[in-house]
Amino acid sequence: MDMTSVLQAFLLGLLEGLTEFIPVSSTGHLILAAELIGFTGEGSIAFKIAIQLGAILAVMVVYRARFSGIARGLVVRDPGAIAFTRNIILGFLPAMVVGFFAYDAIRRLIESPMTVAVALIVGGIAILLIERAVTPKIEGDVETMGWKTAGGVGIVQCLAMIPGVSRSGATIMGGLLMGMDRKTAAEFSFFLAVPTMAAATVYALWKERDLLSFDDLGLIAIGFTTAFVAAMLVVRSLVAFVARHGFAPFAWYRIALGSVALVWLLNK
């Protein structure tokens, strides 16, 4: 590994961890950043997929007490634990089905920075409109969420297969539109990320296994570790941030970044 590749892997891992759980599209950021620093080619696709596992691990560590409590509750058939599990499964299933049948189309979109730029702008405008349309709700939790709400968020999550839309953005905004409060919408997005991202990452790595080589493992380890540490910081602080400031700051950031990227791409 040369120092340039190491630095690129570190920067992309940092970017993945910082953006995975906020509504700005981590995939979109990775695509644009990789294009900017020249980390492109077939092997880069597998790298960008693999380092998402670091962000997934961060959620599992931060919420380990919650997950272990759910596991114990399932053993004794606790209604809250059963409802939590049901809602996560319902939120996960639509993306699993669509992702399986539409993988090749999604794979082609991942290689399109222009799609990312446009989606960032459109998504930012959508967040601003939704923030103004919804009214503050009394805090709830994933256990008391209705099954229709969980399934509805799962359907909305499928929009995130378009690079630049943002999985967390789609699930959080979908949750707000369906009556969730900000805290519950953000936490449901975190929990839903675990099966959704794990399944998508494992499936994508299997499909792209021919692009992986032994030489890539060191760079993937760097990106994975950096993504894990950065995502830990974001997951710990995001709920408190949105409780005070809402999601509008992320929307304006998306619009600004998408506009700059669009101008850059059109003038390349």
Protein backbone atom coordinates (compact mmCIF):
# COMPACT_ATOMS: atom_id res chain seq x y z
CA MET A 1 0.00 0.00 0.00
CA ASP A 2 1.37 3.42 -0.90
CA MET A 3 0.76 6.46 1.31
CA THR A 4 -1.59 8.05 -1.22
CA SER A 5 -3.90 5.02 -1.15
CA VAL A 6 -3.76 4.87 2.65
CA LEU A 7 -4.72 8.54 2.92
CA GLN A 8 -7.54 8.08 0.41
CA ALA A 9 -8.88 5.08 2.34
CA PHE A 10 -8.72 7.04 5.60
CA LEU A 11 -10.53 10.07 4.15
CA LEU A 12 -13.27 7.97 2.54
CA GLY A 13 -13.75 5.96 5.74
CA LEU A 14 -14.03 9.20 7.72
CA LEU A 15 -16.56 10.53 5.23
CA GLU A 16 -18.61 7.30 5.38
CA GLY A 17 -18.77 7.37 9.17
CA LEU A 18 -19.67 11.05 9.40
CA THR A 19 -22.43 10.92 6.77
CA GLU A 20 -24.03 7.46 7.04
CA PHE A 21 -26.59 8.36 9.71
CA ILE A 22 -27.35 11.96 8.85
CA PRO A 23 -29.72 12.81 5.95
CA VAL A 24 -27.05 13.88 3.46
CA SER A 25 -26.30 10.58 1.64
CA SER A 26 -23.08 8.79 2.55
CA THR A 27 -23.06 6.96 -0.79
CA GLY A 28 -23.39 10.26 -2.62
CA HIS A 29 -20.51 11.74 -0.65
CA LEU A 30 -18.30 8.73 -1.35
CA ILE A 31 -19.05 8.85 -5.07
CA LEU A 32 -18.28 12.57 -5.35
CA ALA A 33 -15.21 12.40 -3.10
CA ALA A 34 -13.80 9.38 -4.92
CA GLU A 35 -14.27 11.22 -8.20
CA LEU A 36 -12.52 14.29 -6.78
CA ILE A 37 -9.47 12.50 -5.35
CA GLY A 38 -9.18 9.95 -8.16
CA PHE A 39 -10.13 6.88 -6.11
CA THR A 40 -12.06 5.31 -8.96
CA GLY A 41 -12.11 2.10 -10.96
CA GLU A 42 -13.71 -1.28 -10.43
CA GLY A 43 -11.88 -2.02 -7.17
CA SER A 44 -13.11 1.20 -5.56
CA ILE A 45 -16.72 0.00 -5.78
CA ALA A 46 -16.04 -2.99 -3.52
CA PHE A 47 -14.11 -0.75 -1.10
CA LYS A 48 -16.98 1.75 -0.80
CA ILE A 49 -19.41 -1.10 -0.14
CA ALA A 50 -17.26 -2.88 2.45
CA ILE A 51 -16.51 0.09 4.71
CA GLN A 52 -20.24 0.53 5.40
CA LEU A 53 -19.90 -2.42 7.78
CA GLY A 54 -17.89 -0.16 10.09
CA ALA A 55 -20.84 2.23 10.39
CA ILE A 56 -23.22 -0.69 11.07
CA LEU A 57 -20.97 -1.91 13.88
CA ALA A 58 -21.07 1.57 15.45
CA VAL A 59 -24.87 1.40 15.84
CA MET A 60 -24.64 -2.06 17.38
CA VAL A 61 -22.06 -0.87 19.91
CA VAL A 62 -23.83 2.38 20.87
CA TYR A 63 -27.20 0.62 21.27
CA ARG A 64 -25.84 -2.69 22.57
CA ALA A 65 -27.90 -2.46 25.79
CA ARG A 66 -31.08 -1.85 23.79
CA PHE A 67 -30.38 -4.75 21.42
CA SER A 68 -29.51 -7.14 24.25
CA GLY A 69 -32.68 -6.11 26.08
CA ILE A 70 -34.73 -6.85 22.95
CA ALA A 71 -33.05 -10.25 22.62
CA ARG A 72 -33.86 -11.13 26.24
CA GLY A 73 -37.41 -9.87 25.75
CA LEU A 74 -37.93 -12.13 22.75
CA VAL A 75 -36.93 -15.14 24.82
CA VAL A 76 -39.68 -14.41 27.38
CA ARG A 77 -42.10 -13.18 24.67
CA ASP A 78 -42.23 -9.60 25.95
CA PRO A 79 -44.82 -7.64 23.87
CA GLY A 80 -42.51 -4.63 23.51
CA ALA A 81 -39.62 -6.73 22.22
CA ILE A 82 -41.92 -8.55 19.79
CA ALA A 83 -43.32 -5.24 18.48
CA PHE A 84 -39.79 -3.81 18.08
CA THR A 85 -38.66 -6.84 16.09
CA ARG A 86 -41.82 -6.86 13.97
CA ASN A 87 -41.36 -3.19 13.08
CA ILE A 88 -37.71 -3.62 12.11
CA ILE A 89 -38.59 -6.61 9.91
CA LEU A 90 -41.45 -4.71 8.24
CA GLY A 91 -39.17 -1.74 7.64
CA PHE A 92 -36.45 -3.97 6.18
CA LEU A 93 -38.45 -6.23 3.85
CA PRO A 94 -39.31 -3.75 1.04
CA ALA A 95 -35.66 -2.76 0.56
CA MET A 96 -34.57 -6.41 0.59
CA VAL A 97 -37.03 -7.32 -2.16
CA VAL A 98 -36.40 -4.26 -4.35
CA GLY A 99 -32.63 -4.46 -3.84
CA PHE A 100 -32.53 -8.10 -4.90
CA PHE A 101 -34.41 -7.55 -8.15
CA ALA A 102 -33.01 -4.11 -9.01
CA TYR A 103 -29.34 -4.63 -8.10
CA ASP A 104 -27.96 -4.18 -11.62
CA ALA A 105 -29.84 -0.91 -12.14
CA ILE A 106 -28.66 0.36 -8.75
CA ARG A 107 -25.09 -0.68 -9.59
CA ARG A 108 -25.17 1.49 -12.72
CA LEU A 109 -26.47 4.50 -10.77
CA ILE A 110 -23.61 4.18 -8.27
CA GLU A 111 -21.24 5.10 -11.09
CA SER A 112 -23.09 8.37 -11.88
CA PRO A 113 -21.85 11.46 -9.98
CA MET A 114 -24.38 13.60 -11.89
CA THR A 115 -27.25 11.57 -10.41
CA VAL A 116 -25.82 12.24 -6.95
CA ALA A 117 -25.61 16.00 -7.47
CA VAL A 118 -29.21 16.28 -8.65
CA ALA A 119 -30.51 13.97 -5.90
CA LEU A 120 -28.72 16.01 -3.22
CA ILE A 121 -30.46 19.19 -4.34
CA VAL A 122 -33.90 17.62 -4.76
CA GLY A 123 -33.60 15.82 -1.42
CA GLY A 124 -32.57 19.01 0.36
CA ILE A 125 -35.63 20.84 -0.95
CA ALA A 126 -37.84 17.91 0.09
CA ILE A 127 -36.46 18.01 3.65
CA LEU A 128 -37.19 21.74 3.95
CA LEU A 129 -40.76 21.22 2.74
CA ILE A 130 -41.36 18.29 5.08
CA GLU A 131 -39.90 20.14 8.06
CA ARG A 132 -42.37 22.97 7.47
CA ALA A 133 -45.31 20.63 6.88
CA VAL A 134 -45.05 18.45 9.97
CA THR A 135 -45.93 19.57 13.50
CA PRO A 136 -43.94 18.56 16.62
CA LYS A 137 -45.09 15.25 18.09
CA ILE A 138 -44.95 13.80 21.61
CA GLU A 139 -41.97 11.45 21.89
CA GLY A 140 -42.69 7.75 21.47
CA ASP A 141 -40.53 4.74 20.72
CA VAL A 142 -40.10 1.96 18.18
CA GLU A 143 -41.97 -0.53 20.39
CA THR A 144 -45.22 1.46 20.27
CA MET A 145 -45.06 2.23 16.55
CA GLY A 146 -47.88 0.79 14.45
CA TRP A 147 -47.09 -1.88 11.88
CA LYS A 148 -48.46 0.25 9.05
CA THR A 149 -46.08 3.06 9.96
CA ALA A 150 -43.09 0.70 10.04
CA GLY A 151 -44.02 -0.80 6.68
CA GLY A 152 -44.58 2.65 5.19
CA VAL A 153 -41.12 3.81 6.26
CA GLY A 154 -39.72 0.63 4.72
CA ILE A 155 -41.32 1.47 1.39
CA VAL A 156 -39.97 5.03 1.50
CA GLN A 157 -36.51 3.64 2.31
CA CYS A 158 -36.42 2.09 -1.17
CA LEU A 159 -35.98 5.61 -2.61
CA ALA A 160 -32.53 5.64 -1.02
CA MET A 161 -31.32 3.15 -3.62
CA ILE A 162 -30.88 6.20 -5.84
CA PRO A 163 -27.40 7.52 -4.94
CA GLY A 164 -27.67 10.93 -3.32
CA VAL A 165 -31.13 10.42 -1.83
CA SER A 166 -29.84 9.16 1.56
CA ARG A 167 -31.14 6.10 3.39
CA SER A 168 -31.30 7.92 6.71
CA GLY A 169 -32.92 10.94 5.05
CA ALA A 170 -35.61 8.83 3.40
CA THR A 171 -36.43 6.86 6.56
CA ILE A 172 -36.40 9.87 8.89
CA MET A 173 -38.48 12.08 6.61
CA GLY A 174 -40.82 9.18 5.90
CA GLY A 175 -41.22 8.66 9.63
CA LEU A 176 -42.01 12.33 10.24
CA LEU A 177 -44.65 12.30 7.50
CA MET A 178 -46.24 9.24 9.12
CA GLY A 179 -46.54 10.87 12.51
CA MET A 180 -43.31 10.03 14.33
CA ASP A 181 -41.48 12.54 16.50
CA ARG A 182 -37.91 13.46 15.54
CA LYS A 183 -36.25 11.30 18.21
CA THR A 184 -38.20 8.16 17.31
CA ALA A 185 -37.73 8.73 13.57
CA ALA A 186 -33.96 9.09 14.03
CA GLU A 187 -33.66 6.04 16.28
CA PHE A 188 -35.82 3.89 14.00
CA SER A 189 -33.51 4.91 11.15
CA PHE A 190 -30.49 3.78 13.21
CA PHE A 191 -32.02 0.41 14.07
CA LEU A 192 -33.34 -0.17 10.57
CA ALA A 193 -29.84 0.47 9.21
CA VAL A 194 -28.47 -2.69 10.84
CA PRO A 195 -30.36 -5.37 8.85
CA THR A 196 -30.76 -3.18 5.74
CA MET A 197 -27.11 -2.18 5.39
CA ALA A 198 -25.78 -5.55 6.54
CA ALA A 199 -27.84 -7.44 3.97
CA ALA A 200 -27.11 -4.94 1.20
CA THR A 201 -23.38 -4.91 1.95
CA VAL A 202 -22.99 -8.70 2.13
CA TYR A 203 -25.05 -9.19 -1.05
CA ALA A 204 -23.17 -6.46 -2.92
CA LEU A 205 -19.78 -7.83 -1.85
CA TRP A 206 -20.81 -11.28 -3.05
CA LYS A 207 -21.90 -9.86 -6.40
CA GLU A 208 -18.67 -7.86 -6.69
CA ARG A 209 -16.37 -10.57 -5.27
CA ASP A 210 -14.34 -10.71 -8.47
CA LEU A 211 -13.28 -7.10 -7.87
CA LEU A 212 -11.78 -7.87 -4.46
CA SER A 213 -8.12 -8.78 -4.13
CA PHE A 214 -5.82 -9.54 -1.22
CA ASP A 215 -4.14 -6.16 -1.72
CA ASP A 216 -7.48 -4.41 -1.08
CA LEU A 217 -7.91 -5.87 2.42
CA GLY A 218 -5.51 -3.45 4.09
CA LEU A 219 -7.24 -0.42 2.61
CA ILE A 220 -10.65 -1.82 3.52
CA ALA A 221 -9.46 -2.32 7.12
CA ILE A 222 -8.38 1.33 7.30
CA GLY A 223 -11.65 2.56 5.85
CA PHE A 224 -13.70 0.21 8.06
CA THR A 225 -11.98 1.32 11.28
CA THR A 226 -12.19 5.01 10.45
CA ALA A 227 -15.88 4.69 9.49
CA PHE A 228 -16.60 2.88 12.78
CA VAL A 229 -15.02 5.57 14.97
CA ALA A 230 -16.59 8.48 13.08
CA ALA A 231 -20.04 6.84 13.04
CA MET A 232 -19.85 6.26 16.80
CA LEU A 233 -19.51 10.01 17.32
CA VAL A 234 -22.41 10.80 14.99
CA VAL A 235 -24.81 8.21 16.42
CA ARG A 236 -24.13 9.42 19.97
CA SER A 237 -24.83 13.07 19.13
CA LEU A 238 -27.40 13.14 16.30
CA VAL A 239 -30.59 12.74 18.35
CA ALA A 240 -29.66 15.63 20.65
CA PHE A 241 -28.69 17.80 17.66
CA VAL A 242 -31.96 17.34 15.76
CA ALA A 243 -33.97 17.89 18.93
CA ARG A 244 -32.49 21.39 19.12
CA HIS A 245 -32.03 22.32 15.46
CA GLY A 246 -34.25 20.02 13.38
CA PHE A 247 -33.16 18.78 9.96
CA ALA A 248 -33.06 22.08 8.07
CA PRO A 249 -29.26 22.53 8.49
CA PHE A 250 -28.74 19.22 6.66
CA ALA A 251 -31.14 20.32 3.92
CA TRP A 252 -29.26 23.56 3.22
CA TYR A 253 -25.96 21.66 3.26
CA ARG A 254 -27.32 19.20 0.69
CA ILE A 255 -28.50 21.98 -1.59
CA ALA A 256 -25.16 23.80 -1.36
CA LEU A 257 -23.07 20.67 -1.93
CA GLY A 258 -25.27 19.45 -4.77
CA SER A 259 -25.11 22.83 -6.50
CA VAL A 260 -21.32 23.02 -6.25
CA ALA A 261 -21.00 19.42 -7.47
CA LEU A 262 -23.36 20.08 -10.37
CA VAL A 263 -21.37 23.11 -11.53
CA TRP A 264 -18.11 21.18 -11.18
CA LEU A 265 -19.36 18.16 -13.10
CA LEU A 266 -20.81 20.26 -15.90
CA ASN A 267 -17.51 22.08 -16.33
CA LYS A 268 -15.17 19.08 -16.10
